[in-house]
Amino acid sequence: MPIEEPGRGPRALANMRAEARDICEVIPLTSENEFHVTTATMMTGNAVLFDSRITDVEYARTPGHVARGVLDHFQISLCIDGEMRFSSGRRDVTMMPGDICLIDMAQPNHTVLRGGGGRSRLMALILQRAMMAPRLAHPDSSTATLLPANHPHARLIANHFAELAANARPGIPSVDATVEAIADLVAAAAGGTADIMVGVDRAERQLYLAMIKRHIAANLETAALTAGELCREFAISRATLYRLFEADGGLAHYVREQRLNRAFQKMISPLEQDKGLMNLAVTMRFSSDSTFIRAFRRKFGVTPGDLREVADRWLQETGAIPEIDTVLHQLARQRKSHAK
């Protein structure tokens, strides 16, 4: 879960300055009474994600701050609201909403955030140098690399920032893999090593596939999951879409499997107990209840009726909603017992 720290006024400014003392100087561009900041911090297995909303402010990271060695990392920043101006040496970039920038925190730099009368919002993925530098052909000259919002990979990376903010938890392979793929794409834009440049297509496919699968999960009960709808939604060709799902048995097979999984979850939920099979089949976009029952039995080895019976009994005996694995285990034991 994200750790959120809201604050307003002189006390919030003093706290922020104390926390950032060894990293940078915090200079508000409003009165201290108008200063307002909210920062959420999320830990992943191989990175830290910050999501901050703040009134107009400057950050000055001086050679003295760098010499303290507290933050020898790379930062991938996404501007969501407002404007961010970043400068380091002769490099100077201005970020608008949707833009992404690679920043080397081992170099002195200066950042100005302006919210246009409100608060700017910036998300930043902090990566250890040992993770990012080997991906870059020239790591010491890659800072201030800008991916504008119209860059082919900017929307893709921004979408995954939002997903990381919602689901970042240490040790989850999908989260760690997403961070690795983001690092690969940003490194490629900044001038990656030969290995990174060769693997760009793989990283891109990985992020597209994860993004499309999230969209599918959010729309299982709608008809908006045809190849045509998904191609329009994600601006990709049918050939690309079909290639993405080859390892999952094809797009149609993947969608059908996910709808059956969702149906399983619904059937063991007390909130869905009063809904008939026809209603559930229609909700999950099957053509008929008989088609749904056959598909369900092929996947899980039991009929929906058998499943409900076991789930109901478990709920009555324990007072708890059973886990999917628990139900399948109970059904397997039941079949084994009948076989004897």
C-alpha atoms as a PDB file:
ATOM      1  CA  MET A   1       0.000   0.000   0.000  1.00  0.00           C
ATOM      2  CA  PRO A   2       1.237   3.542  -0.696  1.00  0.00           C
ATOM      3  CA  ILE A   3       2.411   5.633   2.238  1.00  0.00           C
ATOM      4  CA  GLU A   4       0.801   9.055   1.825  1.00  0.00           C
ATOM      5  CA  GLU A   5       2.057  12.183   3.562  1.00  0.00           C
ATOM      6  CA  PRO A   6      -0.114  15.306   3.112  1.00  0.00           C
ATOM      7  CA  GLY A   7       0.967  18.651   4.469  1.00  0.00           C
ATOM      8  CA  ARG A   8       0.156  22.340   4.318  1.00  0.00           C
ATOM      9  CA  GLY A   9       1.770  25.571   5.469  1.00  0.00           C
ATOM     10  CA  PRO A  10       5.081  26.412   7.191  1.00  0.00           C
ATOM     11  CA  ARG A  11       5.213  23.205   9.191  1.00  0.00           C
ATOM     12  CA  ALA A  12       4.834  21.023   6.087  1.00  0.00           C
ATOM     13  CA  LEU A  13       7.562  23.035   4.364  1.00  0.00           C
ATOM     14  CA  ALA A  14       9.889  22.660   7.360  1.00  0.00           C
ATOM     15  CA  ASN A  15       9.283  18.898   7.437  1.00  0.00           C
ATOM     16  CA  MET A  16       9.946  18.554   3.722  1.00  0.00           C
ATOM     17  CA  ARG A  17      13.141  20.585   3.974  1.00  0.00           C
ATOM     18  CA  ALA A  18      14.346  18.424   6.844  1.00  0.00           C
ATOM     19  CA  GLU A  19      13.662  15.215   4.923  1.00  0.00           C
ATOM     20  CA  ALA A  20      15.331  16.541   1.748  1.00  0.00           C
ATOM     21  CA  ARG A  21      18.287  18.195   3.532  1.00  0.00           C
ATOM     22  CA  ASP A  22      20.891  15.787   2.105  1.00  0.00           C
ATOM     23  CA  ILE A  23      19.225  15.545  -1.322  1.00  0.00           C
ATOM     24  CA  CYS A  24      18.301  19.066  -2.416  1.00  0.00           C
ATOM     25  CA  GLU A  25      17.221  22.508  -1.295  1.00  0.00           C
ATOM     26  CA  VAL A  26      13.460  23.132  -1.348  1.00  0.00           C
ATOM     27  CA  ILE A  27      12.491  26.673  -2.372  1.00  0.00           C
ATOM     28  CA  PRO A  28       8.745  27.474  -2.398  1.00  0.00           C
ATOM     29  CA  LEU A  29       7.523  29.879  -5.069  1.00  0.00           C
ATOM     30  CA  THR A  30       4.444  30.728  -3.017  1.00  0.00           C
ATOM     31  CA  SER A  31       4.141  32.108   0.474  1.00  0.00           C
ATOM     32  CA  GLU A  32       4.861  29.571   3.192  1.00  0.00           C
ATOM     33  CA  ASN A  33       1.202  29.695   4.252  1.00  0.00           C
ATOM     34  CA  GLU A  34       0.114  28.712   0.727  1.00  0.00           C
ATOM     35  CA  PHE A  35       2.599  25.844   0.485  1.00  0.00           C
ATOM     36  CA  HIS A  36       0.849  22.486   0.080  1.00  0.00           C
ATOM     37  CA  VAL A  37       2.295  19.049  -0.687  1.00  0.00           C
ATOM     38  CA  THR A  38       0.989  15.483  -0.816  1.00  0.00           C
ATOM     39  CA  THR A  39       3.445  12.683  -1.468  1.00  0.00           C
ATOM     40  CA  ALA A  40       2.676   8.979  -1.801  1.00  0.00           C
ATOM     41  CA  THR A  41       5.564   6.516  -1.706  1.00  0.00           C
ATOM     42  CA  MET A  42       5.298   2.990  -3.065  1.00  0.00           C
ATOM     43  CA  MET A  43       7.982   0.323  -2.748  1.00  0.00           C
ATOM     44  CA  THR A  44       8.544  -2.291  -5.433  1.00  0.00           C
ATOM     45  CA  GLY A  45      11.055  -5.096  -5.495  1.00  0.00           C
ATOM     46  CA  ASN A  46      13.628  -3.136  -7.503  1.00  0.00           C
ATOM     47  CA  ALA A  47      12.550   0.517  -7.399  1.00  0.00           C
ATOM     48  CA  VAL A  48      10.701   3.210  -5.466  1.00  0.00           C
ATOM     49  CA  LEU A  49       7.756   5.106  -6.935  1.00  0.00           C
ATOM     50  CA  PHE A  50       6.871   8.616  -5.777  1.00  0.00           C
ATOM     51  CA  ASP A  51       3.633  10.393  -6.619  1.00  0.00           C
ATOM     52  CA  SER A  52       3.662  14.047  -5.519  1.00  0.00           C
ATOM     53  CA  ARG A  53       1.273  16.980  -5.803  1.00  0.00           C
ATOM     54  CA  ILE A  54       2.791  20.291  -4.807  1.00  0.00           C
ATOM     55  CA  THR A  55       2.346  24.037  -5.137  1.00  0.00           C
ATOM     56  CA  ASP A  56       4.925  25.962  -7.186  1.00  0.00           C
ATOM     57  CA  VAL A  57       8.400  25.059  -5.997  1.00  0.00           C
ATOM     58  CA  GLU A  58      12.086  24.867  -6.927  1.00  0.00           C
ATOM     59  CA  TYR A  59      14.474  22.045  -6.106  1.00  0.00           C
ATOM     60  CA  ALA A  60      18.207  22.850  -6.198  1.00  0.00           C
ATOM     61  CA  ARG A  61      20.569  19.869  -6.074  1.00  0.00           C
ATOM     62  CA  THR A  62      24.019  21.355  -5.642  1.00  0.00           C
ATOM     63  CA  PRO A  63      27.488  19.773  -5.922  1.00  0.00           C
ATOM     64  CA  GLY A  64      27.460  19.690  -2.124  1.00  0.00           C
ATOM     65  CA  HIS A  65      24.310  17.576  -2.097  1.00  0.00           C
ATOM     66  CA  VAL A  66      25.790  15.228  -4.701  1.00  0.00           C
ATOM     67  CA  ALA A  67      29.012  14.867  -2.673  1.00  0.00           C
ATOM     68  CA  ARG A  68      27.046  13.564   0.308  1.00  0.00           C
ATOM     69  CA  GLY A  69      26.257  10.479  -1.757  1.00  0.00           C
ATOM     70  CA  VAL A  70      22.775   9.956  -0.349  1.00  0.00           C
ATOM     71  CA  LEU A  71      21.065   9.611  -3.737  1.00  0.00           C
ATOM     72  CA  ASP A  72      23.230   8.106  -6.476  1.00  0.00           C
ATOM     73  CA  HIS A  73      20.280   6.962  -8.571  1.00  0.00           C
ATOM     74  CA  PHE A  74      18.508   7.515 -11.860  1.00  0.00           C
ATOM     75  CA  GLN A  75      14.991   8.923 -11.895  1.00  0.00           C
ATOM     76  CA  ILE A  76      12.346   8.435 -14.574  1.00  0.00           C
ATOM     77  CA  SER A  77       9.864  11.300 -14.164  1.00  0.00           C
ATOM     78  CA  LEU A  78       6.358  11.552 -15.606  1.00  0.00           C
ATOM     79  CA  CYS A  79       4.665  14.962 -15.681  1.00  0.00           C
ATOM     80  CA  ILE A  80       0.934  14.547 -15.080  1.00  0.00           C
ATOM     81  CA  ASP A  81      -0.284  18.071 -14.262  1.00  0.00           C
ATOM     82  CA  GLY A  82       1.425  21.430 -14.563  1.00  0.00           C
ATOM     83  CA  GLU A  83       4.884  22.083 -15.947  1.00  0.00           C
ATOM     84  CA  MET A  84       8.348  20.913 -14.951  1.00  0.00           C
ATOM     85  CA  ARG A  85      11.565  22.603 -16.055  1.00  0.00           C
ATOM     86  CA  PHE A  86      14.732  20.619 -15.453  1.00  0.00           C
ATOM     87  CA  SER A  87      18.306  21.720 -16.075  1.00  0.00           C
ATOM     88  CA  SER A  88      21.658  20.049 -15.497  1.00  0.00           C
ATOM     89  CA  GLY A  89      24.832  21.568 -16.895  1.00  0.00           C
ATOM     90  CA  ARG A  90      24.043  22.524 -20.472  1.00  0.00           C
ATOM     91  CA  ARG A  91      20.996  20.302 -20.634  1.00  0.00           C
ATOM     92  CA  ASP A  92      17.660  22.069 -20.236  1.00  0.00           C
ATOM     93  CA  VAL A  93      14.215  20.536 -20.851  1.00  0.00           C
ATOM     94  CA  THR A  94      10.629  21.583 -20.138  1.00  0.00           C
ATOM     95  CA  MET A  95       8.106  18.856 -19.420  1.00  0.00           C
ATOM     96  CA  MET A  96       4.393  19.191 -20.052  1.00  0.00           C
ATOM     97  CA  PRO A  97       1.636  16.681 -19.138  1.00  0.00           C
ATOM     98  CA  GLY A  98       2.402  13.266 -20.615  1.00  0.00           C
ATOM     99  CA  ASP A  99       6.118  13.940 -21.074  1.00  0.00           C
ATOM    100  CA  ILE A 100       8.721  11.631 -19.532  1.00  0.00           C
ATOM    101  CA  CYS A 101      12.296  12.516 -18.609  1.00  0.00           C
ATOM    102  CA  LEU A 102      15.360  10.534 -17.507  1.00  0.00           C
ATOM    103  CA  ILE A 103      17.333  12.272 -14.754  1.00  0.00           C
ATOM    104  CA  ASP A 104      20.742  11.325 -13.360  1.00  0.00           C
ATOM    105  CA  MET A 105      20.628  12.254  -9.676  1.00  0.00           C
ATOM    106  CA  ALA A 106      24.428  11.868  -9.391  1.00  0.00           C
ATOM    107  CA  GLN A 107      24.774  15.220 -11.175  1.00  0.00           C
ATOM    108  CA  PRO A 108      23.901  18.700  -9.869  1.00  0.00           C
ATOM    109  CA  ASN A 109      20.565  19.870 -11.237  1.00  0.00           C
ATOM    110  CA  HIS A 110      17.790  22.385 -10.845  1.00  0.00           C
ATOM    111  CA  THR A 111      14.062  21.739 -11.134  1.00  0.00           C
ATOM    112  CA  VAL A 112      11.115  24.147 -11.203  1.00  0.00           C
ATOM    113  CA  LEU A 113       7.547  22.882 -10.846  1.00  0.00           C
ATOM    114  CA  ARG A 114       4.617  25.154 -11.682  1.00  0.00           C
ATOM    115  CA  GLY A 115       0.982  24.182 -11.462  1.00  0.00           C
ATOM    116  CA  GLY A 116      -0.621  27.096 -13.269  1.00  0.00           C
ATOM    117  CA  GLY A 117      -2.471  28.355 -10.215  1.00  0.00           C
ATOM    118  CA  GLY A 118      -2.958  24.920  -8.705  1.00  0.00           C
ATOM    119  CA  ARG A 119      -0.642  22.073  -7.826  1.00  0.00           C
ATOM    120  CA  SER A 120       1.627  20.279 -10.239  1.00  0.00           C
ATOM    121  CA  ARG A 121       1.674  16.506 -10.141  1.00  0.00           C
ATOM    122  CA  LEU A 122       4.757  14.449 -10.841  1.00  0.00           C
ATOM    123  CA  MET A 123       5.364  10.719 -10.638  1.00  0.00           C
ATOM    124  CA  ALA A 124       8.944   9.485 -10.410  1.00  0.00           C
ATOM    125  CA  LEU A 125      10.402   6.008 -10.579  1.00  0.00           C
ATOM    126  CA  ILE A 126      13.696   5.879  -8.664  1.00  0.00           C
ATOM    127  CA  LEU A 127      16.116   3.228  -9.951  1.00  0.00           C
ATOM    128  CA  GLN A 128      19.458   2.209  -8.488  1.00  0.00           C
ATOM    129  CA  ARG A 129      22.456   3.152 -10.619  1.00  0.00           C
ATOM    130  CA  ALA A 130      23.486  -0.495 -10.721  1.00  0.00           C
ATOM    131  CA  MET A 131      20.199  -1.236 -12.500  1.00  0.00           C
ATOM    132  CA  MET A 132      20.014   1.682 -14.963  1.00  0.00           C
ATOM    133  CA  ALA A 133      23.627   2.537 -15.854  1.00  0.00           C
ATOM    134  CA  PRO A 134      24.447  -0.856 -17.476  1.00  0.00           C
ATOM    135  CA  ARG A 135      21.535  -0.295 -19.857  1.00  0.00           C
ATOM    136  CA  LEU A 136      22.990   2.994 -21.147  1.00  0.00           C
ATOM    137  CA  ALA A 137      25.770   3.263 -23.709  1.00  0.00           C
ATOM    138  CA  HIS A 138      26.848   6.579 -22.151  1.00  0.00           C
ATOM    139  CA  PRO A 139      25.318   6.772 -18.659  1.00  0.00           C
ATOM    140  CA  ASP A 140      27.154   9.966 -17.660  1.00  0.00           C
ATOM    141  CA  SER A 141      25.624  11.966 -20.524  1.00  0.00           C
ATOM    142  CA  SER A 142      22.068  10.601 -20.579  1.00  0.00           C
ATOM    143  CA  THR A 143      20.451  12.980 -18.073  1.00  0.00           C
ATOM    144  CA  ALA A 144      17.620  15.213 -19.311  1.00  0.00           C
ATOM    145  CA  THR A 145      16.642  12.749 -22.038  1.00  0.00           C
ATOM    146  CA  LEU A 146      13.047  13.677 -22.895  1.00  0.00           C
ATOM    147  CA  LEU A 147      10.310  11.408 -24.215  1.00  0.00           C
ATOM    148  CA  PRO A 148       7.549  13.828 -25.269  1.00  0.00           C
ATOM    149  CA  ALA A 149       3.933  12.786 -24.838  1.00  0.00           C
ATOM    150  CA  ASN A 150       3.709  11.943 -28.547  1.00  0.00           C
ATOM    151  CA  HIS A 151       6.709   9.594 -28.387  1.00  0.00           C
ATOM    152  CA  PRO A 152       5.683   6.045 -29.385  1.00  0.00           C
ATOM    153  CA  HIS A 153       6.562   4.715 -25.916  1.00  0.00           C
ATOM    154  CA  ALA A 154       5.444   7.632 -23.727  1.00  0.00           C
ATOM    155  CA  ARG A 155       1.783   6.627 -23.424  1.00  0.00           C
ATOM    156  CA  LEU A 156       2.795   3.025 -22.841  1.00  0.00           C
ATOM    157  CA  ILE A 157       5.149   3.948 -19.998  1.00  0.00           C
ATOM    158  CA  ALA A 158       2.669   6.424 -18.472  1.00  0.00           C
ATOM    159  CA  ASN A 159      -0.017   3.738 -18.395  1.00  0.00           C
ATOM    160  CA  HIS A 160       2.290   1.462 -16.439  1.00  0.00           C
ATOM    161  CA  PHE A 161       3.178   4.223 -13.983  1.00  0.00           C
ATOM    162  CA  ALA A 162      -0.498   4.315 -13.044  1.00  0.00           C
ATOM    163  CA  GLU A 163      -0.577   0.526 -12.689  1.00  0.00           C
ATOM    164  CA  LEU A 164       2.528   0.524 -10.479  1.00  0.00           C
ATOM    165  CA  ALA A 165       0.944   3.169  -8.263  1.00  0.00           C
ATOM    166  CA  ALA A 166      -2.058   0.927  -7.737  1.00  0.00           C
ATOM    167  CA  ASN A 167      -0.324  -2.409  -7.349  1.00  0.00           C
ATOM    168  CA  ALA A 168       3.333  -1.918  -6.396  1.00  0.00           C
ATOM    169  CA  ARG A 169       4.266  -4.524  -3.808  1.00  0.00           C
ATOM    170  CA  PRO A 170       7.658  -6.121  -3.230  1.00  0.00           C
ATOM    171  CA  GLY A 171       8.304  -9.547  -4.691  1.00  0.00           C
ATOM    172  CA  ILE A 172       5.558  -9.611  -7.315  1.00  0.00           C
ATOM    173  CA  PRO A 173       7.144 -10.844 -10.572  1.00  0.00           C
ATOM    174  CA  SER A 174       4.798  -8.861 -12.833  1.00  0.00           C
ATOM    175  CA  VAL A 175       5.652  -5.608 -11.034  1.00  0.00           C
ATOM    176  CA  ASP A 176       9.399  -6.223 -11.172  1.00  0.00           C
ATOM    177  CA  ALA A 177       9.180  -7.199 -14.843  1.00  0.00           C
ATOM    178  CA  THR A 178       7.226  -4.019 -15.604  1.00  0.00           C
ATOM    179  CA  VAL A 179       9.913  -1.863 -13.969  1.00  0.00           C
ATOM    180  CA  GLU A 180      12.608  -3.691 -15.950  1.00  0.00           C
ATOM    181  CA  ALA A 181      10.735  -3.153 -19.230  1.00  0.00           C
ATOM    182  CA  ILE A 182      10.200   0.558 -18.495  1.00  0.00           C
ATOM    183  CA  ALA A 183      13.931   0.900 -17.787  1.00  0.00           C
ATOM    184  CA  ASP A 184      14.702  -0.813 -21.118  1.00  0.00           C
ATOM    185  CA  LEU A 185      12.476   1.514 -23.159  1.00  0.00           C
ATOM    186  CA  VAL A 186      13.766   4.675 -21.480  1.00  0.00           C
ATOM    187  CA  ALA A 187      17.359   3.497 -21.894  1.00  0.00           C
ATOM    188  CA  ALA A 188      16.740   2.875 -25.580  1.00  0.00           C
ATOM    189  CA  ALA A 189      15.459   6.440 -26.000  1.00  0.00           C
ATOM    190  CA  ALA A 190      18.513   7.785 -24.154  1.00  0.00           C
ATOM    191  CA  GLY A 191      20.973   5.687 -26.138  1.00  0.00           C
ATOM    192  CA  GLY A 192      21.049   2.155 -24.839  1.00  0.00           C
ATOM    193  CA  THR A 193      23.681  -0.534 -25.081  1.00  0.00           C
ATOM    194  CA  ALA A 194      23.622  -2.907 -28.042  1.00  0.00           C
ATOM    195  CA  ASP A 195      21.827  -5.551 -25.964  1.00  0.00           C
ATOM    196  CA  ILE A 196      19.155  -3.067 -24.905  1.00  0.00           C
ATOM    197  CA  MET A 197      18.554  -1.851 -28.446  1.00  0.00           C
ATOM    198  CA  VAL A 198      18.127  -5.438 -29.637  1.00  0.00           C
ATOM    199  CA  GLY A 199      15.616  -6.107 -26.849  1.00  0.00           C
ATOM    200  CA  VAL A 200      13.463  -3.010 -27.328  1.00  0.00           C
ATOM    201  CA  ASP A 201      10.783  -4.876 -29.263  1.00  0.00           C
ATOM    202  CA  ARG A 202      10.560  -7.503 -26.517  1.00  0.00           C
ATOM    203  CA  ALA A 203      10.168  -4.847 -23.793  1.00  0.00           C
ATOM    204  CA  GLU A 204       7.559  -3.038 -25.856  1.00  0.00           C
ATOM    205  CA  ARG A 205       5.573  -6.243 -26.411  1.00  0.00           C
ATOM    206  CA  GLN A 206       5.724  -7.057 -22.712  1.00  0.00           C
ATOM    207  CA  LEU A 207       4.294  -3.680 -21.693  1.00  0.00           C
ATOM    208  CA  TYR A 208       1.645  -3.688 -24.426  1.00  0.00           C
ATOM    209  CA  LEU A 209       0.541  -7.169 -23.449  1.00  0.00           C
ATOM    210  CA  ALA A 210       0.275  -6.246 -19.765  1.00  0.00           C
ATOM    211  CA  MET A 211      -1.669  -3.072 -20.621  1.00  0.00           C
ATOM    212  CA  ILE A 212      -4.115  -4.919 -22.893  1.00  0.00           C
ATOM    213  CA  LYS A 213      -4.618  -7.701 -20.336  1.00  0.00           C
ATOM    214  CA  ARG A 214      -5.515  -5.096 -17.682  1.00  0.00           C
ATOM    215  CA  HIS A 215      -8.034  -3.612 -20.102  1.00  0.00           C
ATOM    216  CA  ILE A 216      -9.507  -7.054 -20.743  1.00  0.00           C
ATOM    217  CA  ALA A 217      -9.808  -7.748 -17.002  1.00  0.00           C
ATOM    218  CA  ALA A 218     -11.685  -4.473 -16.536  1.00  0.00           C
ATOM    219  CA  ASN A 219     -14.111  -5.196 -19.391  1.00  0.00           C
ATOM    220  CA  LEU A 220     -14.886  -8.910 -19.178  1.00  0.00           C
ATOM    221  CA  GLU A 221     -18.593  -8.249 -18.831  1.00  0.00           C
ATOM    222  CA  THR A 222     -18.776  -6.025 -21.914  1.00  0.00           C
ATOM    223  CA  ALA A 223     -18.715  -6.750 -25.631  1.00  0.00           C
ATOM    224  CA  ALA A 224     -15.766  -4.394 -26.185  1.00  0.00           C
ATOM    225  CA  LEU A 225     -13.131  -7.138 -26.346  1.00  0.00           C
ATOM    226  CA  THR A 226     -13.197  -8.028 -30.015  1.00  0.00           C
ATOM    227  CA  ALA A 227      -9.989  -7.776 -32.018  1.00  0.00           C
ATOM    228  CA  GLY A 228     -11.330  -4.710 -33.803  1.00  0.00           C
ATOM    229  CA  GLU A 229     -12.221  -2.913 -30.565  1.00  0.00           C
ATOM    230  CA  LEU A 230      -8.831  -3.665 -29.000  1.00  0.00           C
ATOM    231  CA  CYS A 231      -6.945  -2.569 -32.122  1.00  0.00           C
ATOM    232  CA  ARG A 232      -8.770   0.766 -32.080  1.00  0.00           C
ATOM    233  CA  GLU A 233      -8.292   1.218 -28.331  1.00  0.00           C
ATOM    234  CA  PHE A 234      -4.535   0.603 -28.421  1.00  0.00           C
ATOM    235  CA  ALA A 235      -3.763   1.793 -31.964  1.00  0.00           C
ATOM    236  CA  ILE A 236      -2.147  -1.475 -33.040  1.00  0.00           C
ATOM    237  CA  SER A 237      -2.676  -3.761 -36.027  1.00  0.00           C
ATOM    238  CA  ARG A 238      -4.538  -7.064 -35.896  1.00  0.00           C
ATOM    239  CA  ALA A 239      -1.333  -8.899 -36.769  1.00  0.00           C
ATOM    240  CA  THR A 240       0.435  -7.307 -33.792  1.00  0.00           C
ATOM    241  CA  LEU A 241      -2.486  -8.055 -31.470  1.00  0.00           C
ATOM    242  CA  TYR A 242      -2.629 -11.690 -32.519  1.00  0.00           C
ATOM    243  CA  ARG A 243       1.148 -12.094 -32.093  1.00  0.00           C
ATOM    244  CA  LEU A 244       0.929 -10.683 -28.558  1.00  0.00           C
ATOM    245  CA  PHE A 245      -1.488 -13.442 -27.533  1.00  0.00           C
ATOM    246  CA  GLU A 246       0.123 -16.388 -29.319  1.00  0.00           C
ATOM    247  CA  ALA A 247       1.614 -17.757 -26.073  1.00  0.00           C
ATOM    248  CA  ASP A 248      -1.848 -17.570 -24.434  1.00  0.00           C
ATOM    249  CA  GLY A 249      -3.484 -19.703 -27.104  1.00  0.00           C
ATOM    250  CA  GLY A 250      -4.804 -16.721 -29.048  1.00  0.00           C
ATOM    251  CA  LEU A 251      -6.857 -13.667 -28.140  1.00  0.00           C
ATOM    252  CA  ALA A 252     -10.276 -15.352 -28.217  1.00  0.00           C
ATOM    253  CA  HIS A 253      -9.039 -18.237 -26.076  1.00  0.00           C
ATOM    254  CA  TYR A 254      -7.477 -15.865 -23.529  1.00  0.00           C
ATOM    255  CA  VAL A 255     -10.639 -13.758 -23.217  1.00  0.00           C
ATOM    256  CA  ARG A 256     -12.803 -16.870 -22.846  1.00  0.00           C
ATOM    257  CA  GLU A 257     -10.515 -18.277 -20.131  1.00  0.00           C
ATOM    258  CA  GLN A 258     -10.594 -15.008 -18.191  1.00  0.00           C
ATOM    259  CA  ARG A 259     -14.393 -14.878 -18.396  1.00  0.00           C
ATOM    260  CA  LEU A 260     -14.602 -18.419 -17.043  1.00  0.00           C
ATOM    261  CA  ASN A 261     -12.246 -17.475 -14.203  1.00  0.00           C
ATOM    262  CA  ARG A 262     -14.438 -14.475 -13.400  1.00  0.00           C
ATOM    263  CA  ALA A 263     -17.542 -16.677 -13.505  1.00  0.00           C
ATOM    264  CA  PHE A 264     -15.874 -19.064 -11.037  1.00  0.00           C
ATOM    265  CA  GLN A 265     -15.193 -16.171  -8.658  1.00  0.00           C
ATOM    266  CA  LYS A 266     -18.762 -14.958  -8.950  1.00  0.00           C
ATOM    267  CA  MET A 267     -20.220 -18.383  -8.264  1.00  0.00           C
ATOM    268  CA  ILE A 268     -18.408 -18.815  -4.943  1.00  0.00           C
ATOM    269  CA  SER A 269     -19.342 -15.314  -3.813  1.00  0.00           C
ATOM    270  CA  PRO A 270     -22.386 -15.014  -1.505  1.00  0.00           C
ATOM    271  CA  LEU A 271     -23.301 -11.801  -3.330  1.00  0.00           C
ATOM    272  CA  GLU A 272     -23.930 -13.773  -6.516  1.00  0.00           C
ATOM    273  CA  GLN A 273     -25.788 -16.765  -5.019  1.00  0.00           C
ATOM    274  CA  ASP A 274     -29.233 -15.614  -6.120  1.00  0.00           C
ATOM    275  CA  LYS A 275     -28.276 -15.264  -9.789  1.00  0.00           C
ATOM    276  CA  GLY A 276     -29.193 -18.080 -12.164  1.00  0.00           C
ATOM    277  CA  LEU A 277     -26.864 -19.707 -14.656  1.00  0.00           C
ATOM    278  CA  MET A 278     -28.552 -18.052 -17.620  1.00  0.00           C
ATOM    279  CA  ASN A 279     -28.020 -14.652 -16.033  1.00  0.00           C
ATOM    280  CA  LEU A 280     -24.360 -15.443 -15.355  1.00  0.00           C
ATOM    281  CA  ALA A 281     -23.823 -16.825 -18.861  1.00  0.00           C
ATOM    282  CA  VAL A 282     -25.251 -13.656 -20.414  1.00  0.00           C
ATOM    283  CA  THR A 283     -23.219 -11.437 -18.060  1.00  0.00           C
ATOM    284  CA  MET A 284     -20.014 -13.192 -19.090  1.00  0.00           C
ATOM    285  CA  ARG A 285     -20.953 -12.878 -22.779  1.00  0.00           C
ATOM    286  CA  PHE A 286     -21.661 -16.560 -23.537  1.00  0.00           C
ATOM    287  CA  SER A 287     -24.258 -17.292 -26.206  1.00  0.00           C
ATOM    288  CA  SER A 288     -26.311 -19.641 -23.989  1.00  0.00           C
ATOM    289  CA  ASP A 289     -26.295 -21.332 -20.592  1.00  0.00           C
ATOM    290  CA  SER A 290     -25.534 -24.710 -22.223  1.00  0.00           C
ATOM    291  CA  THR A 291     -22.490 -23.252 -23.994  1.00  0.00           C
ATOM    292  CA  PHE A 292     -21.370 -21.744 -20.699  1.00  0.00           C
ATOM    293  CA  ILE A 293     -21.810 -25.015 -18.768  1.00  0.00           C
ATOM    294  CA  ARG A 294     -19.830 -27.024 -21.344  1.00  0.00           C
ATOM    295  CA  ALA A 295     -16.980 -24.510 -21.371  1.00  0.00           C
ATOM    296  CA  PHE A 296     -16.979 -24.326 -17.576  1.00  0.00           C
ATOM    297  CA  ARG A 297     -16.798 -28.099 -17.214  1.00  0.00           C
ATOM    298  CA  ARG A 298     -13.984 -28.405 -19.748  1.00  0.00           C
ATOM    299  CA  LYS A 299     -11.897 -25.864 -17.852  1.00  0.00           C
ATOM    300  CA  PHE A 300     -12.577 -26.804 -14.221  1.00  0.00           C
ATOM    301  CA  GLY A 301     -13.713 -30.423 -14.465  1.00  0.00           C
ATOM    302  CA  VAL A 302     -16.980 -29.731 -12.643  1.00  0.00           C
ATOM    303  CA  THR A 303     -20.361 -28.260 -13.470  1.00  0.00           C
ATOM    304  CA  PRO A 304     -21.366 -24.845 -12.122  1.00  0.00           C
ATOM    305  CA  GLY A 305     -23.962 -26.641  -9.982  1.00  0.00           C
ATOM    306  CA  ASP A 306     -21.316 -28.832  -8.327  1.00  0.00           C
ATOM    307  CA  LEU A 307     -19.213 -25.765  -7.654  1.00  0.00           C
ATOM    308  CA  ARG A 308     -22.040 -23.879  -5.980  1.00  0.00           C
ATOM    309  CA  GLU A 309     -22.878 -26.847  -3.802  1.00  0.00           C
ATOM    310  CA  VAL A 310     -19.318 -27.123  -2.465  1.00  0.00           C
ATOM    311  CA  ALA A 311     -18.980 -23.356  -2.014  1.00  0.00           C
ATOM    312  CA  ASP A 312     -22.295 -23.159  -0.133  1.00  0.00           C
ATOM    313  CA  ARG A 313     -21.313 -25.991   2.173  1.00  0.00           C
ATOM    314  CA  TRP A 314     -17.924 -24.423   2.901  1.00  0.00           C
ATOM    315  CA  LEU A 315     -19.542 -21.072   3.681  1.00  0.00           C
ATOM    316  CA  GLN A 316     -22.061 -22.685   6.067  1.00  0.00           C
ATOM    317  CA  GLU A 317     -19.364 -24.680   7.869  1.00  0.00           C
ATOM    318  CA  THR A 318     -16.693 -21.986   8.167  1.00  0.00           C
ATOM    319  CA  GLY A 319     -18.540 -18.704   7.729  1.00  0.00           C
ATOM    320  CA  ALA A 320     -15.874 -17.642   5.216  1.00  0.00           C
ATOM    321  CA  ILE A 321     -15.802 -17.311   1.452  1.00  0.00           C
ATOM    322  CA  PRO A 322     -13.569 -20.114   0.144  1.00  0.00           C
ATOM    323  CA  GLU A 323     -10.509 -19.493  -1.978  1.00  0.00           C
ATOM    324  CA  ILE A 324     -10.577 -20.853  -5.521  1.00  0.00           C
ATOM    325  CA  ASP A 325      -7.828 -23.378  -4.742  1.00  0.00           C
ATOM    326  CA  THR A 326      -9.771 -24.544  -1.669  1.00  0.00           C
ATOM    327  CA  VAL A 327     -12.890 -25.218  -3.712  1.00  0.00           C
ATOM    328  CA  LEU A 328     -10.984 -27.082  -6.416  1.00  0.00           C
ATOM    329  CA  HIS A 329      -9.238 -29.152  -3.734  1.00  0.00           C
ATOM    330  CA  GLN A 330     -12.570 -30.027  -2.132  1.00  0.00           C
ATOM    331  CA  LEU A 331     -14.033 -31.025  -5.501  1.00  0.00           C
ATOM    332  CA  ALA A 332     -10.987 -33.173  -6.294  1.00  0.00           C
ATOM    333  CA  ARG A 333     -11.327 -34.977  -2.957  1.00  0.00           C
ATOM    334  CA  GLN A 334     -15.045 -35.459  -3.633  1.00  0.00           C
ATOM    335  CA  ARG A 335     -14.379 -37.003  -7.069  1.00  0.00           C
ATOM    336  CA  LYS A 336     -11.664 -39.251  -5.613  1.00  0.00           C
ATOM    337  CA  SER A 337     -14.028 -40.451  -2.897  1.00  0.00           C
ATOM    338  CA  HIS A 338     -16.793 -41.259  -5.408  1.00  0.00           C
ATOM    339  CA  ALA A 339     -14.304 -43.136  -7.590  1.00  0.00           C
ATOM    340  CA  LYS A 340     -13.634 -45.551  -4.722  1.00  0.00           C
END
